[in-house]
Structures are given as C-alpha cells and as structure tokens.
C-alpha cells in the first residue's frame, strides 16, 4: 500500500515511510523524556499536518509555550478542562460547512481532563457520535499541577495525594468508551510508536467518534530516570499491565504485539515494571499480589472478548 495521504490507510508502515516534516517544533517546553512530546511528534507524522488540536488544561498547554508563540506546527485551541470534546465537535462542524471535512480535529487531553473533569462532555460527544479523534495521553496523575491522584492512577501508586499508595485500581476508560458503541476505540503506547501511528490513521479513516488511550510514562511523576521512558512503557505492555488492542465497530482485536501475552508464561514479572519507578517504592507484598490478580483478571476478560468477537464474525 502507498503512504498516508490525508486519509488513506497504510497498515504496514516503517519509520522510513513516515514524513520528515515535524509538527512538534524543537525547543519546546517539555520535560526531558516527556511521553507527551513523543506522542505529539508521532501524531503529527501520522496525520501529516492535516489536523487541528484542541487541548484542555494539561502538560501539553505548557509544552506549547507562552502566547503568542507556539511549539505546535498546526492550529491549536486551548480550552477549559471540561469543554474540549464539545469545542472539537463545533470546529469539525465548521470545517464541514466550509468544505474542509478532510481536516481532522484531534482532542489531545491528559487523564485528569478525560477520566475525571472532562468525562461528562466526553460521554456526550460519544453519545452524539461526533466526528472527532479523541486521544487521552495517560500519565496516570495530574502531573501539571503537582502529581495529584486521578481516577487513572494505578493501584498502589504514590502521588502527592496518595502518599501510602492509591487504594483503588485505575478506571478502565477504553472499555467505558467502548460501552458507548462508538465506531473505534484503541489503546496504544508511546513505547510502540508505529502501532500508535497505524491506529491514528485507522481512526482518521473512520467517520464518527474515535477514542485512543495512549499510555504515557512520566519520568517526573513516576520517579524514574528521563532516559527510561520507552523502557518503562515497553515493560507496562510486556508485563500485561497495559494490553494493546482495538475495538473496530464492536469487534475486539488484540494487537499483534500482545498476542503472545494471552499465555501468561510469556509475560514478564510485574516486579520488572514497578522496580524502576519510585512511585511504587513502598509497595507491599500484599499489594503486589493484588496487582498480579488484577493482571490475570484483565487478561481473562480479554480472552473472553476475543472469543465473543470470533463468534460474532462467524455469525454464531
């Protein structure tokens, strides 16, 4: 297949096939090792500049830089925490009226602005099936305001508001969005950029509401060295804590990267993931065992969804 041309879909891409153009400009204000900057860079290469960004209050507002300058090579609307899906829907409607429906409108929001403060308007956009791409870059806390707990913070993780470790498991946003019956839901990771690019391009080829949940390990908030972002992200996937999949018009499909992990013998021990991160430095044996149970339950659910999708496709 050919390259991406503002709407064509290429499922077999390589780094060499991506555009050399950069839409996150150098010299931006991101922290060393920032996962959001990795994701923004790959987003630009996925859509090749044919998009506008809608960003609620989050780290990416800071990455943009002080007005009137911008480190983003595309138009961007900075909007209130809870309003990004509604604003994006209005922009997309305006483009349609102007005959510019091939320009994608992308909400780029953190987990706080998605799982918590923005949840109501996100659900509304999904119920209306607004033709936007919503990407939550999940760094698992309110990093921009001081590393406070969000509902996407994982079990046993330290934050400045859960100093003994969070006592609840993280909210499963992708499955909540899938329950809205929108056309496309996917998980991705900044540690697997080509998988992310393919999923963004697939989302761009579908009309209606698309939601991508992007795992974004944060060196500052998670307390690991800034050169370990990709390693931590890969370990999240390899231990089974962050499965990569997509739900395309109701059909669940596990990403090829994760298919071997259906057999738990192929998953790396969770300790390899958490020992790198200072936010888990006080985890107890009991909490570790609970995380192991959580992963096992998660993959049992995935196996059931795979079987259900197979039966659906087979007409059973």
Protein backbone atom coordinates (compact mmCIF):
# COMPACT_ATOMS: atom_id res chain seq x y z
CA UNK A 1 0.00 0.00 0.00
CA UNK A 2 1.08 3.56 -0.52
CA UNK A 3 1.83 6.19 2.09
CA UNK A 4 -0.73 8.17 4.07
CA UNK A 5 -2.27 10.95 2.02
CA UNK A 6 -4.60 12.77 4.36
CA UNK A 7 -6.99 9.85 4.71
CA UNK A 8 -5.53 6.76 3.04
CA UNK A 9 -4.70 3.89 5.37
CA UNK A 10 -1.39 2.07 5.45
CA UNK A 11 -1.26 -0.84 7.89
CA UNK A 12 2.32 -1.88 7.03
CA UNK A 13 4.43 1.16 7.81
CA UNK A 14 8.04 1.67 8.78
CA UNK A 15 9.97 4.56 10.28
CA UNK A 16 11.41 5.30 6.82
CA UNK A 17 7.92 5.67 5.36
CA UNK A 18 6.95 8.48 7.75
CA UNK A 19 7.12 12.10 6.70
CA UNK A 20 10.28 14.01 7.61
CA UNK A 21 8.17 17.05 8.49
CA UNK A 22 7.90 17.84 12.19
CA UNK A 23 4.74 19.24 13.75
CA UNK A 24 6.11 19.43 17.28
CA UNK A 25 8.85 22.00 16.94
CA UNK A 26 12.26 21.73 18.64
CA UNK A 27 12.99 23.84 21.69
CA UNK A 28 9.56 23.22 23.21
CA UNK A 29 8.98 23.32 26.96
CA UNK A 30 8.51 19.60 27.61
CA UNK A 31 10.49 17.87 30.37
CA UNK A 32 13.37 15.54 29.46
CA UNK A 33 11.93 12.17 28.48
CA UNK A 34 8.40 13.60 28.23
CA UNK A 35 5.99 10.99 26.82
CA UNK A 36 3.50 13.63 25.66
CA UNK A 37 6.12 15.13 23.36
CA UNK A 38 6.82 11.68 21.90
CA UNK A 39 3.12 11.15 21.30
CA UNK A 40 2.60 14.59 19.79
CA UNK A 41 5.50 14.07 17.42
CA UNK A 42 4.12 10.73 16.21
CA UNK A 43 0.61 12.17 15.92
CA UNK A 44 1.94 14.80 13.53
CA UNK A 45 3.68 12.19 11.43
CA UNK A 46 0.55 10.03 11.40
CA UNK A 47 -1.73 12.80 10.10
CA UNK A 48 0.93 14.76 8.20
CA UNK A 49 -0.28 18.14 9.36
CA UNK A 50 -3.91 17.73 8.22
CA UNK A 51 -5.36 18.36 11.65
CA UNK A 52 -6.01 20.91 14.35
CA UNK A 53 -5.50 20.36 18.06
CA UNK A 54 -7.97 21.04 20.85
CA UNK A 55 -6.17 20.93 24.21
CA UNK A 56 -7.71 21.38 27.66
CA UNK A 57 -5.58 22.44 30.62
CA UNK A 58 -2.75 19.90 30.93
CA UNK A 59 1.01 19.49 30.48
CA UNK A 60 0.63 19.96 26.74
CA UNK A 61 -0.60 23.51 27.33
CA UNK A 62 2.82 24.19 28.86
CA UNK A 63 4.67 22.32 26.11
CA UNK A 64 3.06 24.71 23.64
CA UNK A 65 4.94 27.64 25.12
CA UNK A 66 3.90 31.20 26.02
CA UNK A 67 1.49 33.16 23.81
CA UNK A 68 1.76 34.36 21.06
CA UNK A 69 4.39 31.77 20.13
CA UNK A 70 3.63 28.06 19.74
CA UNK A 71 5.72 24.91 19.52
CA UNK A 72 2.92 23.23 17.57
CA UNK A 73 3.12 23.35 13.79
CA UNK A 74 -0.67 23.15 13.45
CA UNK A 75 -3.53 25.36 14.70
CA UNK A 76 -4.41 24.78 18.34
CA UNK A 77 -7.34 25.77 20.53
CA UNK A 78 -6.65 25.89 24.27
CA UNK A 79 -9.94 25.28 26.02
CA UNK A 80 -11.36 24.81 29.52
CA UNK A 81 -10.87 21.44 31.19
CA UNK A 82 -14.38 20.10 30.62
CA UNK A 83 -15.11 21.59 27.21
CA UNK A 84 -12.67 20.02 24.75
CA UNK A 85 -14.98 17.41 23.12
CA UNK A 86 -17.75 19.96 22.58
CA UNK A 87 -15.33 22.54 21.18
CA UNK A 88 -13.80 19.94 18.85
CA UNK A 89 -17.24 18.93 17.58
CA UNK A 90 -18.03 22.55 16.78
CA UNK A 91 -14.77 23.03 14.91
CA UNK A 92 -15.38 19.88 12.88
CA UNK A 93 -18.90 21.04 12.00
CA UNK A 94 -17.44 24.35 10.83
CA UNK A 95 -14.92 22.58 8.60
CA UNK A 96 -17.73 20.53 7.08
CA UNK A 97 -19.68 23.68 6.22
CA UNK A 98 -16.57 25.17 4.63
CA UNK A 99 -16.00 22.04 2.56
CA UNK A 100 -12.86 21.14 4.52
CA UNK A 101 -14.07 17.90 6.03
CA UNK A 102 -10.74 16.21 5.28
CA UNK A 103 -9.10 18.20 8.09
CA UNK A 104 -9.11 16.14 11.27
CA UNK A 105 -9.96 17.62 14.64
CA UNK A 106 -7.98 15.98 17.44
CA UNK A 107 -8.59 16.42 21.14
CA UNK A 108 -5.29 15.87 22.96
CA UNK A 109 -6.01 15.60 26.68
CA UNK A 110 -4.48 14.16 29.83
CA UNK A 111 -6.11 11.61 32.09
CA UNK A 112 -7.38 14.26 34.50
CA UNK A 113 -9.17 16.13 31.72
CA UNK A 114 -10.51 12.85 30.36
CA UNK A 115 -11.26 10.36 33.12
CA UNK A 116 -12.30 12.98 35.67
CA UNK A 117 -13.11 16.60 34.81
CA UNK A 118 -13.90 16.04 31.13
CA UNK A 119 -15.82 12.77 31.50
CA UNK A 120 -19.31 14.22 31.08
CA UNK A 121 -18.60 16.11 27.87
CA UNK A 122 -16.59 13.16 26.51
CA UNK A 123 -19.55 10.87 27.12
CA UNK A 124 -21.82 13.40 25.43
CA UNK A 125 -19.60 13.53 22.34
CA UNK A 126 -19.60 9.74 22.21
CA UNK A 127 -23.39 9.56 22.55
CA UNK A 128 -23.74 12.03 19.65
CA UNK A 129 -21.03 10.17 17.68
CA UNK A 130 -19.28 13.45 16.90
CA UNK A 131 -16.74 13.11 14.09
CA UNK A 132 -13.59 13.78 16.10
CA UNK A 133 -10.49 11.90 17.23
CA UNK A 134 -10.04 11.98 20.99
CA UNK A 135 -6.62 10.97 22.33
CA UNK A 136 -6.04 10.67 26.06
CA UNK A 137 -2.32 10.63 26.83
CA UNK A 138 -2.45 8.86 30.15
CA UNK A 139 0.39 9.75 32.52
CA UNK A 140 -1.74 8.45 35.38
CA UNK A 141 -1.94 11.59 37.54
CA UNK A 142 -2.42 15.37 37.45
CA UNK A 143 1.22 15.98 36.56
CA UNK A 144 0.95 19.62 35.55
CA UNK A 145 -0.41 20.72 38.94
CA UNK A 146 1.78 18.67 41.27
CA UNK A 147 1.35 14.92 40.71
CA UNK A 148 -2.05 14.51 42.34
CA UNK A 149 -4.08 11.31 42.09
CA UNK A 150 -6.55 10.89 39.22
CA UNK A 151 -9.01 8.06 38.64
CA UNK A 152 -6.48 6.76 36.09
CA UNK A 153 -3.74 6.42 38.71
CA UNK A 154 -2.99 2.71 39.18
CA UNK A 155 -3.40 0.72 42.36
CA UNK A 156 -0.63 1.12 44.97
CA UNK A 157 1.00 4.08 43.17
CA UNK A 158 2.32 7.02 45.17
CA UNK A 159 1.14 10.52 44.32
CA UNK A 160 1.20 13.68 46.42
CA UNK A 161 -2.39 12.91 47.47
CA UNK A 162 -1.92 9.14 47.91
CA UNK A 163 1.28 9.08 49.91
CA UNK A 164 0.76 5.47 51.07
CA UNK A 165 -0.32 4.28 47.64
CA UNK A 166 -3.67 4.51 45.85
CA UNK A 167 -6.20 2.04 47.20
CA UNK A 168 -8.29 1.70 44.02
CA UNK A 169 -7.48 0.28 40.58
CA UNK A 170 -7.42 2.67 37.63
CA UNK A 171 -10.58 3.49 35.72
CA UNK A 172 -10.85 1.48 32.51
CA UNK A 173 -11.59 4.36 30.13
CA UNK A 174 -11.23 2.44 26.85
CA UNK A 175 -13.92 -0.04 27.89
CA UNK A 176 -16.16 2.75 29.14
CA UNK A 177 -15.86 4.38 25.72
CA UNK A 178 -16.49 1.05 24.01
CA UNK A 179 -19.72 0.77 26.01
CA UNK A 180 -20.90 3.91 24.18
CA UNK A 181 -20.84 1.86 20.94
CA UNK A 182 -18.67 4.38 19.10
CA UNK A 183 -17.04 3.22 15.84
CA UNK A 184 -13.46 2.93 17.06
CA UNK A 185 -11.62 2.52 20.36
CA UNK A 186 -7.95 1.63 20.75
CA UNK A 187 -5.15 1.51 23.29
CA UNK A 188 -1.61 2.48 22.38
CA UNK A 189 1.76 3.28 23.96
CA UNK A 190 4.44 5.86 23.26
CA UNK A 191 6.89 2.95 23.54
CA UNK A 192 5.37 1.41 20.38
CA UNK A 193 5.15 4.44 18.06
CA UNK A 194 4.37 2.64 14.81
CA UNK A 195 1.44 0.82 16.43
CA UNK A 196 0.19 4.23 17.56
CA UNK A 197 0.61 5.73 14.08
CA UNK A 198 -1.35 2.89 12.47
CA UNK A 199 -4.18 3.31 14.97
CA UNK A 200 -4.32 7.08 14.48
CA UNK A 201 -4.51 6.61 10.72
CA UNK A 202 -7.21 4.00 11.10
CA UNK A 203 -9.17 6.36 13.32
CA UNK A 204 -8.75 9.11 10.71
CA UNK A 205 -10.26 6.83 8.05
CA UNK A 206 -13.47 6.29 10.06
CA UNK A 207 -16.35 8.74 10.32
CA UNK A 208 -17.75 9.33 13.79
CA UNK A 209 -16.27 9.34 17.27
CA UNK A 210 -12.85 7.74 17.70
CA UNK A 211 -11.07 7.28 21.03
CA UNK A 212 -7.41 6.30 21.56
CA UNK A 213 -5.95 5.79 25.03
CA UNK A 214 -2.20 6.37 24.92
CA UNK A 215 -0.02 5.08 27.76
CA UNK A 216 2.47 7.83 28.63
CA UNK A 217 5.07 7.04 31.32
CA UNK A 218 6.09 10.28 33.05
CA UNK A 219 9.65 10.41 34.44
CA UNK A 220 8.83 13.32 36.75
CA UNK A 221 5.68 11.90 38.31
CA UNK A 222 6.60 8.23 38.22
CA UNK A 223 10.09 8.83 39.60
CA UNK A 224 12.32 7.14 37.05
CA UNK A 225 15.32 8.44 35.02
CA UNK A 226 14.35 10.51 32.00
CA UNK A 227 16.15 8.17 29.60
CA UNK A 228 13.92 5.24 30.65
CA UNK A 229 10.57 6.40 29.21
CA UNK A 230 10.48 3.89 26.37
CA UNK A 231 11.79 1.06 28.56
CA UNK A 232 9.11 1.68 31.19
CA UNK A 233 6.43 1.88 28.50
CA UNK A 234 7.53 -1.40 26.96
CA UNK A 235 7.57 -3.13 30.34
CA UNK A 236 4.00 -1.99 31.01
CA UNK A 237 2.97 -3.84 27.85
CA UNK A 238 5.26 -6.86 28.33
CA UNK A 239 4.05 -7.49 31.89
CA UNK A 240 0.43 -7.39 30.73
CA UNK A 241 -0.49 -4.28 32.71
CA UNK A 242 -1.13 -2.31 29.50
CA UNK A 243 -2.63 -4.50 26.76
CA UNK A 244 -2.67 -3.08 23.25
CA UNK A 245 -5.89 -3.64 21.32
CA UNK A 246 -8.56 -2.04 19.18
CA UNK A 247 -12.34 -2.31 19.03
CA UNK A 248 -13.37 -1.58 15.45
CA UNK A 249 -17.16 -1.25 15.06
CA UNK A 250 -17.67 -3.55 18.03
CA UNK A 251 -15.09 -6.18 17.00
CA UNK A 252 -12.30 -6.65 19.55
CA UNK A 253 -8.82 -7.32 18.18
CA UNK A 254 -5.68 -7.77 20.22
CA UNK A 255 -2.67 -6.05 18.65
CA UNK A 256 -0.04 -8.42 17.25
CA UNK A 257 2.50 -7.15 19.80
CA UNK A 258 0.35 -8.55 22.61
CA UNK A 259 -0.98 -11.81 21.17
CA UNK A 260 1.78 -13.92 22.81
CA UNK A 261 0.75 -12.48 26.19
CA UNK A 262 -2.51 -14.44 26.16
CA UNK A 263 -0.28 -17.16 27.58
CA UNK A 264 0.77 -15.74 30.94
CA UNK A 265 4.06 -17.61 30.72
CA UNK A 266 5.08 -15.08 28.07
CA UNK A 267 4.51 -12.08 30.34
CA UNK A 268 7.38 -10.55 32.23
CA UNK A 269 7.07 -10.37 36.04
CA UNK A 270 5.33 -7.22 37.26
CA UNK A 271 8.32 -6.55 39.53
CA UNK A 272 10.40 -5.67 36.47
CA UNK A 273 7.99 -2.82 35.72
CA UNK A 274 7.47 -1.42 39.19
CA UNK A 275 11.04 -1.64 40.48
CA UNK A 276 12.18 1.09 38.07
CA UNK A 277 9.59 3.54 39.40
CA UNK A 278 9.91 5.44 42.65
CA UNK A 279 6.13 5.77 42.90
CA UNK A 280 5.99 2.06 43.78
CA UNK A 281 8.93 2.12 46.20
CA UNK A 282 6.70 1.38 49.20
CA UNK A 283 4.58 -1.34 47.63
CA UNK A 284 3.92 -4.29 49.95
CA UNK A 285 3.86 -7.99 49.09
CA UNK A 286 0.10 -7.94 49.51
CA UNK A 287 -0.27 -5.01 47.11
CA UNK A 288 1.99 -6.72 44.58
CA UNK A 289 -0.15 -9.85 44.81
CA UNK A 290 -3.24 -7.71 44.20
CA UNK A 291 -1.65 -6.23 41.07
CA UNK A 292 -0.89 -9.75 39.86
CA UNK A 293 -4.53 -10.73 40.42
CA UNK A 294 -5.61 -7.63 38.55
CA UNK A 295 -3.49 -8.52 35.52
CA UNK A 296 -4.79 -12.09 35.50
CA UNK A 297 -8.39 -10.85 35.66
CA UNK A 298 -7.71 -8.33 32.90
CA UNK A 299 -6.38 -10.99 30.54
CA UNK A 300 -9.22 -13.38 31.34
CA UNK A 301 -11.59 -10.63 30.21
CA UNK A 302 -9.54 -10.08 27.05
CA UNK A 303 -9.70 -13.80 26.21
CA UNK A 304 -13.48 -13.70 26.59
CA UNK A 305 -13.76 -10.64 24.33
CA UNK A 306 -11.65 -12.33 21.67
CA UNK A 307 -13.91 -15.39 21.73
CA UNK A 308 -17.01 -13.22 21.61
CA UNK A 309 -15.67 -11.33 18.58
CA UNK A 310 -14.82 -14.59 16.83
CA UNK A 311 -18.36 -15.86 17.38
CA UNK A 312 -19.82 -12.57 16.17
CA UNK A 313 -17.73 -12.58 13.00
CA UNK A 314 -18.66 -16.22 12.41
CA UNK A 315 -22.34 -15.45 12.67
CA UNK A 316 -22.85 -17.60 15.76
